[in-house]
Structures are given as C-alpha cells and as structure tokens.
PDB file of N, CA and C in Angstrom:
ATOM      1  N   UNK A   1      23.512  -1.757   6.941  1.00  0.00           N
ATOM      2  CA  UNK A   1      22.533  -1.073   6.103  1.00  0.00           C
ATOM      3  C   UNK A   1      21.528  -0.293   6.968  1.00  0.00           C
ATOM      4  N   UNK A   2      21.048  -0.924   8.066  1.00  0.00           N
ATOM      5  CA  UNK A   2      20.114  -0.309   8.939  1.00  0.00           C
ATOM      6  C   UNK A   2      20.677   0.964   9.602  1.00  0.00           C
ATOM      7  N   UNK A   3      21.933   0.834  10.035  1.00  0.00           N
ATOM      8  CA  UNK A   3      22.602   1.965  10.729  1.00  0.00           C
ATOM      9  C   UNK A   3      22.740   3.101   9.724  1.00  0.00           C
ATOM     10  N   UNK A   4      23.045   2.812   8.460  1.00  0.00           N
ATOM     11  CA  UNK A   4      23.240   3.838   7.441  1.00  0.00           C
ATOM     12  C   UNK A   4      21.898   4.598   7.228  1.00  0.00           C
ATOM     13  N   UNK A   5      20.783   3.836   7.152  1.00  0.00           N
ATOM     14  CA  UNK A   5      19.472   4.469   6.993  1.00  0.00           C
ATOM     15  C   UNK A   5      19.147   5.339   8.182  1.00  0.00           C
ATOM     16  N   UNK A   6      19.473   4.903   9.381  1.00  0.00           N
ATOM     17  CA  UNK A   6      19.206   5.664  10.562  1.00  0.00           C
ATOM     18  C   UNK A   6      20.016   6.982  10.567  1.00  0.00           C
ATOM     19  N   UNK A   7      21.301   6.891  10.245  1.00  0.00           N
ATOM     20  CA  UNK A   7      22.168   8.084  10.254  1.00  0.00           C
ATOM     21  C   UNK A   7      21.671   9.071   9.205  1.00  0.00           C
ATOM     22  N   UNK A   8      21.486   8.535   7.987  1.00  0.00           N
ATOM     23  CA  UNK A   8      21.037   9.416   6.872  1.00  0.00           C
ATOM     24  C   UNK A   8      19.689  10.126   7.227  1.00  0.00           C
ATOM     25  N   UNK A   9      18.796   9.376   7.787  1.00  0.00           N
ATOM     26  CA  UNK A   9      17.517   9.973   8.142  1.00  0.00           C
ATOM     27  C   UNK A   9      17.702  11.100   9.164  1.00  0.00           C
ATOM     28  N   UNK A  10      18.489  10.884  10.204  1.00  0.00           N
ATOM     29  CA  UNK A  10      18.728  11.917  11.203  1.00  0.00           C
ATOM     30  C   UNK A  10      19.394  13.102  10.610  1.00  0.00           C
ATOM     31  N   UNK A  11      20.378  12.921   9.684  1.00  0.00           N
ATOM     32  CA  UNK A  11      21.032  14.043   9.015  1.00  0.00           C
ATOM     33  C   UNK A  11      20.063  14.824   8.193  1.00  0.00           C
ATOM     34  N   UNK A  12      19.153  14.166   7.495  1.00  0.00           N
ATOM     35  CA  UNK A  12      18.163  14.892   6.648  1.00  0.00           C
ATOM     36  C   UNK A  12      17.198  15.626   7.562  1.00  0.00           C
ATOM     37  N   UNK A  13      16.762  15.050   8.635  1.00  0.00           N
ATOM     38  CA  UNK A  13      15.893  15.735   9.608  1.00  0.00           C
ATOM     39  C   UNK A  13      16.515  17.032  10.129  1.00  0.00           C
ATOM     40  N   UNK A  14      17.763  16.879  10.549  1.00  0.00           N
ATOM     41  CA  UNK A  14      18.469  18.055  11.096  1.00  0.00           C
ATOM     42  C   UNK A  14      18.684  19.171  10.035  1.00  0.00           C
ATOM     43  N   UNK A  15      19.060  18.757   8.824  1.00  0.00           N
ATOM     44  CA  UNK A  15      19.258  19.687   7.732  1.00  0.00           C
ATOM     45  C   UNK A  15      17.948  20.380   7.402  1.00  0.00           C
ATOM     46  N   UNK A  16      16.849  19.663   7.369  1.00  0.00           N
ATOM     47  CA  UNK A  16      15.530  20.229   7.102  1.00  0.00           C
ATOM     48  C   UNK A  16      15.189  21.290   8.155  1.00  0.00           C
ATOM     49  N   UNK A  17      15.357  20.860   9.418  1.00  0.00           N
ATOM     50  CA  UNK A  17      15.080  21.768  10.530  1.00  0.00           C
ATOM     51  C   UNK A  17      15.903  23.044  10.459  1.00  0.00           C
ATOM     52  N   UNK A  18      17.192  22.879  10.141  1.00  0.00           N
ATOM     53  CA  UNK A  18      18.119  24.010  10.051  1.00  0.00           C
ATOM     54  C   UNK A  18      17.605  24.997   8.945  1.00  0.00           C
ATOM     55  N   UNK A  19      17.308  24.410   7.773  1.00  0.00           N
ATOM     56  CA  UNK A  19      16.860  25.258   6.626  1.00  0.00           C
ATOM     57  C   UNK A  19      15.573  25.974   7.020  1.00  0.00           C
ATOM     58  N   UNK A  20      14.662  25.234   7.723  1.00  0.00           N
ATOM     59  CA  UNK A  20      13.357  25.833   8.054  1.00  0.00           C
ATOM     60  C   UNK A  20      13.481  26.970   9.031  1.00  0.00           C
ATOM     61  N   UNK A  21      14.401  26.867   9.984  1.00  0.00           N
ATOM     62  CA  UNK A  21      14.401  27.880  11.078  1.00  0.00           C
ATOM     63  C   UNK A  21      15.608  28.824  11.095  1.00  0.00           C
ATOM     64  N   UNK A  22      16.690  28.491  10.353  1.00  0.00           N
ATOM     65  CA  UNK A  22      17.866  29.308  10.455  1.00  0.00           C
ATOM     66  C   UNK A  22      18.250  29.944   9.153  1.00  0.00           C
ATOM     67  N   UNK A  23      17.460  29.805   8.081  1.00  0.00           N
ATOM     68  CA  UNK A  23      17.801  30.407   6.805  1.00  0.00           C
ATOM     69  C   UNK A  23      16.596  31.111   6.245  1.00  0.00           C
ATOM     70  N   UNK A  24      16.760  31.969   5.268  1.00  0.00           N
ATOM     71  CA  UNK A  24      15.597  32.646   4.666  1.00  0.00           C
ATOM     72  C   UNK A  24      14.889  31.755   3.624  1.00  0.00           C
ATOM     73  N   UNK A  25      15.277  30.527   3.454  1.00  0.00           N
ATOM     74  CA  UNK A  25      14.719  29.646   2.437  1.00  0.00           C
ATOM     75  C   UNK A  25      13.556  28.815   2.947  1.00  0.00           C
ATOM     76  N   UNK A  26      13.056  29.114   4.107  1.00  0.00           N
ATOM     77  CA  UNK A  26      11.960  28.277   4.674  1.00  0.00           C
ATOM     78  C   UNK A  26      10.727  28.218   3.800  1.00  0.00           C
ATOM     79  N   UNK A  27      10.298  29.348   3.240  1.00  0.00           N
ATOM     80  CA  UNK A  27       9.139  29.354   2.368  1.00  0.00           C
ATOM     81  C   UNK A  27       9.335  28.484   1.141  1.00  0.00           C
ATOM     82  N   UNK A  28      10.474  28.640   0.537  1.00  0.00           N
ATOM     83  CA  UNK A  28      10.807  27.800  -0.607  1.00  0.00           C
ATOM     84  C   UNK A  28      10.779  26.307  -0.259  1.00  0.00           C
ATOM     85  N   UNK A  29      11.369  25.975   0.891  1.00  0.00           N
ATOM     86  CA  UNK A  29      11.408  24.581   1.322  1.00  0.00           C
ATOM     87  C   UNK A  29       9.995  24.043   1.611  1.00  0.00           C
ATOM     88  N   UNK A  30       9.166  24.854   2.176  1.00  0.00           N
ATOM     89  CA  UNK A  30       7.755  24.421   2.362  1.00  0.00           C
ATOM     90  C   UNK A  30       7.032  24.198   1.020  1.00  0.00           C
ATOM     91  N   UNK A  31       7.253  25.107   0.106  1.00  0.00           N
ATOM     92  CA  UNK A  31       6.630  24.904  -1.187  1.00  0.00           C
ATOM     93  C   UNK A  31       7.155  23.676  -1.937  1.00  0.00           C
ATOM     94  N   UNK A  32       8.464  23.457  -1.827  1.00  0.00           N
ATOM     95  CA  UNK A  32       9.073  22.305  -2.459  1.00  0.00           C
ATOM     96  C   UNK A  32       8.528  21.035  -1.825  1.00  0.00           C
ATOM     97  N   UNK A  33       8.444  21.008  -0.510  1.00  0.00           N
ATOM     98  CA  UNK A  33       7.892  19.848   0.188  1.00  0.00           C
ATOM     99  C   UNK A  33       6.465  19.593  -0.188  1.00  0.00           C
ATOM    100  N   UNK A  34       5.648  20.604  -0.304  1.00  0.00           N
ATOM    101  CA  UNK A  34       4.269  20.444  -0.775  1.00  0.00           C
ATOM    102  C   UNK A  34       4.178  19.858  -2.157  1.00  0.00           C
ATOM    103  N   UNK A  35       4.956  20.392  -3.009  1.00  0.00           N
ATOM    104  CA  UNK A  35       4.950  19.882  -4.409  1.00  0.00           C
ATOM    105  C   UNK A  35       5.367  18.389  -4.487  1.00  0.00           C
ATOM    106  N   UNK A  36       6.433  18.061  -3.735  1.00  0.00           N
ATOM    107  CA  UNK A  36       6.903  16.694  -3.751  1.00  0.00           C
ATOM    108  C   UNK A  36       5.798  15.779  -3.151  1.00  0.00           C
ATOM    109  N   UNK A  37       5.220  16.173  -2.066  1.00  0.00           N
ATOM    110  CA  UNK A  37       4.194  15.385  -1.445  1.00  0.00           C
ATOM    111  C   UNK A  37       2.983  15.144  -2.351  1.00  0.00           C
ATOM    112  N   UNK A  38       2.532  16.172  -3.008  1.00  0.00           N
ATOM    113  CA  UNK A  38       1.398  16.043  -3.951  1.00  0.00           C
ATOM    114  C   UNK A  38       1.808  15.136  -5.142  1.00  0.00           C
ATOM    115  N   UNK A  39       3.024  15.340  -5.637  1.00  0.00           N
ATOM    116  CA  UNK A  39       3.506  14.506  -6.750  1.00  0.00           C
ATOM    117  C   UNK A  39       3.532  13.038  -6.392  1.00  0.00           C
ATOM    118  N   UNK A  40       4.038  12.733  -5.208  1.00  0.00           N
ATOM    119  CA  UNK A  40       4.099  11.329  -4.749  1.00  0.00           C
ATOM    120  C   UNK A  40       2.712  10.742  -4.556  1.00  0.00           C
ATOM    121  N   UNK A  41       1.871  11.448  -3.886  1.00  0.00           N
ATOM    122  CA  UNK A  41       0.486  10.923  -3.630  1.00  0.00           C
ATOM    123  C   UNK A  41      -0.248  10.673  -4.938  1.00  0.00           C
ATOM    124  N   UNK A  42      -0.280  11.688  -5.794  1.00  0.00           N
ATOM    125  CA  UNK A  42      -1.041  11.501  -7.019  1.00  0.00           C
ATOM    126  C   UNK A  42      -0.272  10.648  -8.085  1.00  0.00           C
ATOM    127  N   UNK A  43       1.029  10.518  -7.966  1.00  0.00           N
ATOM    128  CA  UNK A  43       1.774   9.561  -8.801  1.00  0.00           C
ATOM    129  C   UNK A  43       1.385   8.139  -8.443  1.00  0.00           C
ATOM    130  N   UNK A  44       1.281   7.843  -7.149  1.00  0.00           N
ATOM    131  CA  UNK A  44       0.813   6.534  -6.741  1.00  0.00           C
ATOM    132  C   UNK A  44      -0.593   6.277  -7.162  1.00  0.00           C
ATOM    133  N   UNK A  45      -1.463   7.306  -7.013  1.00  0.00           N
ATOM    134  CA  UNK A  45      -2.872   7.130  -7.468  1.00  0.00           C
ATOM    135  C   UNK A  45      -2.949   6.890  -8.993  1.00  0.00           C
ATOM    136  N   UNK A  46      -2.127   7.585  -9.724  1.00  0.00           N
ATOM    137  CA  UNK A  46      -2.104   7.370 -11.178  1.00  0.00           C
ATOM    138  C   UNK A  46      -1.611   5.975 -11.537  1.00  0.00           C
ATOM    139  N   UNK A  47      -0.651   5.483 -10.784  1.00  0.00           N
ATOM    140  CA  UNK A  47      -0.104   4.133 -11.036  1.00  0.00           C
ATOM    141  C   UNK A  47      -1.161   3.069 -10.722  1.00  0.00           C
ATOM    142  N   UNK A  48      -1.951   3.277  -9.667  1.00  0.00           N
ATOM    143  CA  UNK A  48      -3.016   2.325  -9.347  1.00  0.00           C
ATOM    144  C   UNK A  48      -4.123   2.410 -10.413  1.00  0.00           C
ATOM    145  N   UNK A  49      -4.416   3.597 -10.879  1.00  0.00           N
ATOM    146  CA  UNK A  49      -5.390   3.744 -11.935  1.00  0.00           C
ATOM    147  C   UNK A  49      -4.976   3.067 -13.226  1.00  0.00           C
ATOM    148  N   UNK A  50      -3.691   3.250 -13.566  1.00  0.00           N
ATOM    149  CA  UNK A  50      -3.123   2.589 -14.780  1.00  0.00           C
ATOM    150  C   UNK A  50      -3.173   1.026 -14.617  1.00  0.00           C
ATOM    151  N   UNK A  51      -2.801   0.590 -13.448  1.00  0.00           N
ATOM    152  CA  UNK A  51      -2.872  -0.882 -13.241  1.00  0.00           C
ATOM    153  C   UNK A  51      -4.281  -1.422 -13.388  1.00  0.00           C
ATOM    154  N   UNK A  52      -5.250  -0.711 -12.805  1.00  0.00           N
ATOM    155  CA  UNK A  52      -6.644  -1.135 -12.920  1.00  0.00           C
ATOM    156  C   UNK A  52      -7.111  -1.089 -14.346  1.00  0.00           C
ATOM    157  N   UNK A  53      -6.704  -0.091 -15.081  1.00  0.00           N
ATOM    158  CA  UNK A  53      -7.186   0.084 -16.468  1.00  0.00           C
ATOM    159  C   UNK A  53      -6.585  -0.904 -17.390  1.00  0.00           C
ATOM    160  N   UNK A  54      -5.345  -1.388 -17.167  1.00  0.00           N
ATOM    161  CA  UNK A  54      -4.639  -2.246 -18.120  1.00  0.00           C
ATOM    162  C   UNK A  54      -4.656  -3.688 -17.730  1.00  0.00           C
ATOM    163  N   UNK A  55      -5.102  -4.052 -16.534  1.00  0.00           N
ATOM    164  CA  UNK A  55      -5.153  -5.441 -16.149  1.00  0.00           C
ATOM    165  C   UNK A  55      -6.441  -6.049 -16.670  1.00  0.00           C
ATOM    166  N   UNK A  56      -6.335  -7.138 -17.452  1.00  0.00           N
ATOM    167  CA  UNK A  56      -7.545  -7.735 -17.995  1.00  0.00           C
ATOM    168  C   UNK A  56      -8.320  -8.452 -16.885  1.00  0.00           C
ATOM    169  N   UNK A  57      -9.656  -8.450 -16.964  1.00  0.00           N
ATOM    170  CA  UNK A  57     -10.417  -9.144 -15.935  1.00  0.00           C
ATOM    171  C   UNK A  57     -10.323 -10.667 -16.073  1.00  0.00           C
ATOM    172  N   UNK A  58     -10.629 -11.419 -14.989  1.00  0.00           N
ATOM    173  CA  UNK A  58     -10.643 -12.830 -15.053  1.00  0.00           C
ATOM    174  C   UNK A  58     -11.867 -13.259 -15.897  1.00  0.00           C
ATOM    175  N   UNK A  59     -11.683 -14.379 -16.617  1.00  0.00           N
ATOM    176  CA  UNK A  59     -12.865 -14.932 -17.324  1.00  0.00           C
ATOM    177  C   UNK A  59     -13.929 -15.353 -16.362  1.00  0.00           C
ATOM    178  N   UNK A  60     -15.194 -15.250 -16.737  1.00  0.00           N
ATOM    179  CA  UNK A  60     -16.311 -15.593 -15.864  1.00  0.00           C
ATOM    180  C   UNK A  60     -16.219 -17.071 -15.463  1.00  0.00           C
ATOM    181  N   UNK A  61     -15.794 -17.962 -16.400  1.00  0.00           N
ATOM    182  CA  UNK A  61     -15.672 -19.354 -16.103  1.00  0.00           C
ATOM    183  C   UNK A  61     -14.754 -19.616 -14.933  1.00  0.00           C
ATOM    184  N   UNK A  62     -13.618 -18.892 -14.861  1.00  0.00           N
ATOM    185  CA  UNK A  62     -12.686 -19.065 -13.782  1.00  0.00           C
ATOM    186  C   UNK A  62     -13.208 -18.587 -12.462  1.00  0.00           C
ATOM    187  N   UNK A  63     -13.955 -17.496 -12.532  1.00  0.00           N
ATOM    188  CA  UNK A  63     -14.617 -16.978 -11.284  1.00  0.00           C
ATOM    189  C   UNK A  63     -15.657 -17.972 -10.754  1.00  0.00           C
ATOM    190  N   UNK A  64     -16.451 -18.550 -11.702  1.00  0.00           N
ATOM    191  CA  UNK A  64     -17.468 -19.517 -11.255  1.00  0.00           C
ATOM    192  C   UNK A  64     -16.824 -20.734 -10.688  1.00  0.00           C
ATOM    193  N   UNK A  65     -15.695 -21.175 -11.262  1.00  0.00           N
ATOM    194  CA  UNK A  65     -14.964 -22.345 -10.727  1.00  0.00           C
ATOM    195  C   UNK A  65     -14.516 -22.066  -9.305  1.00  0.00           C
ATOM    196  N   UNK A  66     -13.940 -20.892  -9.113  1.00  0.00           N
ATOM    197  CA  UNK A  66     -13.485 -20.561  -7.713  1.00  0.00           C
ATOM    198  C   UNK A  66     -14.645 -20.486  -6.706  1.00  0.00           C
ATOM    199  N   UNK A  67     -15.801 -19.998  -7.139  1.00  0.00           N
ATOM    200  CA  UNK A  67     -16.960 -19.917  -6.288  1.00  0.00           C
ATOM    201  C   UNK A  67     -17.410 -21.339  -5.891  1.00  0.00           C
ATOM    202  N   UNK A  68     -17.449 -22.282  -6.884  1.00  0.00           N
ATOM    203  CA  UNK A  68     -17.812 -23.624  -6.620  1.00  0.00           C
ATOM    204  C   UNK A  68     -16.869 -24.278  -5.626  1.00  0.00           C
ATOM    205  N   UNK A  69     -15.533 -24.037  -5.837  1.00  0.00           N
ATOM    206  CA  UNK A  69     -14.524 -24.619  -4.947  1.00  0.00           C
ATOM    207  C   UNK A  69     -14.716 -24.104  -3.516  1.00  0.00           C
ATOM    208  N   UNK A  70     -15.038 -22.792  -3.359  1.00  0.00           N
ATOM    209  CA  UNK A  70     -15.281 -22.217  -2.063  1.00  0.00           C
ATOM    210  C   UNK A  70     -16.548 -22.815  -1.407  1.00  0.00           C
ATOM    211  N   UNK A  71     -17.551 -23.092  -2.199  1.00  0.00           N
ATOM    212  CA  UNK A  71     -18.794 -23.683  -1.664  1.00  0.00           C
ATOM    213  C   UNK A  71     -18.498 -25.076  -1.157  1.00  0.00           C
ATOM    214  N   UNK A  72     -17.716 -25.861  -1.912  1.00  0.00           N
ATOM    215  CA  UNK A  72     -17.340 -27.216  -1.484  1.00  0.00           C
ATOM    216  C   UNK A  72     -16.543 -27.186  -0.194  1.00  0.00           C
ATOM    217  N   UNK A  73     -15.626 -26.259  -0.131  1.00  0.00           N
ATOM    218  CA  UNK A  73     -14.787 -26.116   1.056  1.00  0.00           C
ATOM    219  C   UNK A  73     -15.648 -25.728   2.270  1.00  0.00           C
ATOM    220  N   UNK A  74     -16.617 -24.876   2.036  1.00  0.00           N
ATOM    221  CA  UNK A  74     -17.508 -24.449   3.105  1.00  0.00           C
ATOM    222  C   UNK A  74     -18.354 -25.588   3.618  1.00  0.00           C
ATOM    223  N   UNK A  75     -18.867 -26.409   2.674  1.00  0.00           N
ATOM    224  CA  UNK A  75     -19.679 -27.615   3.036  1.00  0.00           C
ATOM    225  C   UNK A  75     -18.807 -28.624   3.847  1.00  0.00           C
ATOM    226  N   UNK A  76     -17.567 -28.803   3.427  1.00  0.00           N
ATOM    227  CA  UNK A  76     -16.711 -29.732   4.140  1.00  0.00           C
ATOM    228  C   UNK A  76     -16.381 -29.246   5.553  1.00  0.00           C
ATOM    229  N   UNK A  77     -16.224 -27.955   5.676  1.00  0.00           N
ATOM    230  CA  UNK A  77     -15.969 -27.300   6.990  1.00  0.00           C
ATOM    231  C   UNK A  77     -17.192 -27.509   7.897  1.00  0.00           C
ATOM    232  N   UNK A  78     -18.375 -27.346   7.357  1.00  0.00           N
ATOM    233  CA  UNK A  78     -19.614 -27.475   8.131  1.00  0.00           C
ATOM    234  C   UNK A  78     -19.737 -28.941   8.596  1.00  0.00           C
ATOM    235  N   UNK A  79     -19.413 -29.883   7.691  1.00  0.00           N
ATOM    236  CA  UNK A  79     -19.512 -31.289   8.046  1.00  0.00           C
ATOM    237  C   UNK A  79     -18.551 -31.658   9.150  1.00  0.00           C
ATOM    238  N   UNK A  80     -17.349 -31.124   9.060  1.00  0.00           N
ATOM    239  CA  UNK A  80     -16.355 -31.405  10.063  1.00  0.00           C
ATOM    240  C   UNK A  80     -16.769 -30.845  11.425  1.00  0.00           C
ATOM    241  N   UNK A  81     -17.356 -29.637  11.425  1.00  0.00           N
ATOM    242  CA  UNK A  81     -17.851 -29.066  12.656  1.00  0.00           C
ATOM    243  C   UNK A  81     -18.950 -29.865  13.268  1.00  0.00           C
ATOM    244  N   UNK A  82     -19.885 -30.389  12.446  1.00  0.00           N
ATOM    245  CA  UNK A  82     -20.933 -31.231  12.898  1.00  0.00           C
ATOM    246  C   UNK A  82     -20.429 -32.526  13.490  1.00  0.00           C
ATOM    247  N   UNK A  83     -19.429 -33.091  12.900  1.00  0.00           N
ATOM    248  CA  UNK A  83     -18.768 -34.353  13.395  1.00  0.00           C
ATOM    249  C   UNK A  83     -18.177 -34.079  14.783  1.00  0.00           C
ATOM    250  N   UNK A  84     -17.516 -33.004  14.894  1.00  0.00           N
ATOM    251  CA  UNK A  84     -16.892 -32.664  16.152  1.00  0.00           C
ATOM    252  C   UNK A  84     -17.864 -32.397  17.286  1.00  0.00           C
ATOM    253  N   UNK A  85     -18.993 -31.822  16.902  1.00  0.00           N
ATOM    254  CA  UNK A  85     -20.056 -31.592  17.892  1.00  0.00           C
ATOM    255  C   UNK A  85     -20.715 -32.875  18.359  1.00  0.00           C
ATOM    256  N   UNK A  86     -20.787 -33.895  17.460  1.00  0.00           N
ATOM    257  CA  UNK A  86     -21.368 -35.172  17.769  1.00  0.00           C
ATOM    258  C   UNK A  86     -20.486 -35.977  18.713  1.00  0.00           C
ATOM    259  N   UNK A  87     -19.200 -35.720  18.733  1.00  0.00           N
ATOM    260  CA  UNK A  87     -18.285 -36.517  19.628  1.00  0.00           C
ATOM    261  C   UNK A  87     -18.388 -36.190  21.018  1.00  0.00           C
TER     262      UNK A  87
END
C-alpha cells in the first residue's frame, strides 16, 4: 500500500510538472489548482463551523462536576508532593 502511494504521488507530480511547463494548459492548471485549494480549505472550515453549530453544549452540572474532580486531583497531587519533600 505504501509503495503504491509513493509511486502514484511521483507520477502525479511528474504529470503536473509536464503540464505546467510543456503544454499550453499551464494557466488552466493553475486556475484549477487554485479553485481546488480554496474549495478544500473553506470546505474544511465550513465542516468545522457546522460541527460547532450542531453539537449541543455540555450541561453546567457536568462541567461543575469535572471541575470539582480536577480540584480534588490537584489537592491529592500537592499532598503527595509534600509527602515526598518530607522524606
């Protein structure tokens, strides 16, 4: 599988370079590349926005519970550090 990806990538790079420098279609290829790049970037941005807009927030009670658990863990860590310093 890895070798196939390597070979396919090299073939595409060489074909791209050939079209860019040895044919009259270089301007078209640049425009196509730009459109695809913008579509991919803003497509991902739209997907992230959709995910943020449609994911329900956590209930406040759950967040408070997590904060309390973190505080307890922090206190235990401090106590363990103090015990180690006393030894």
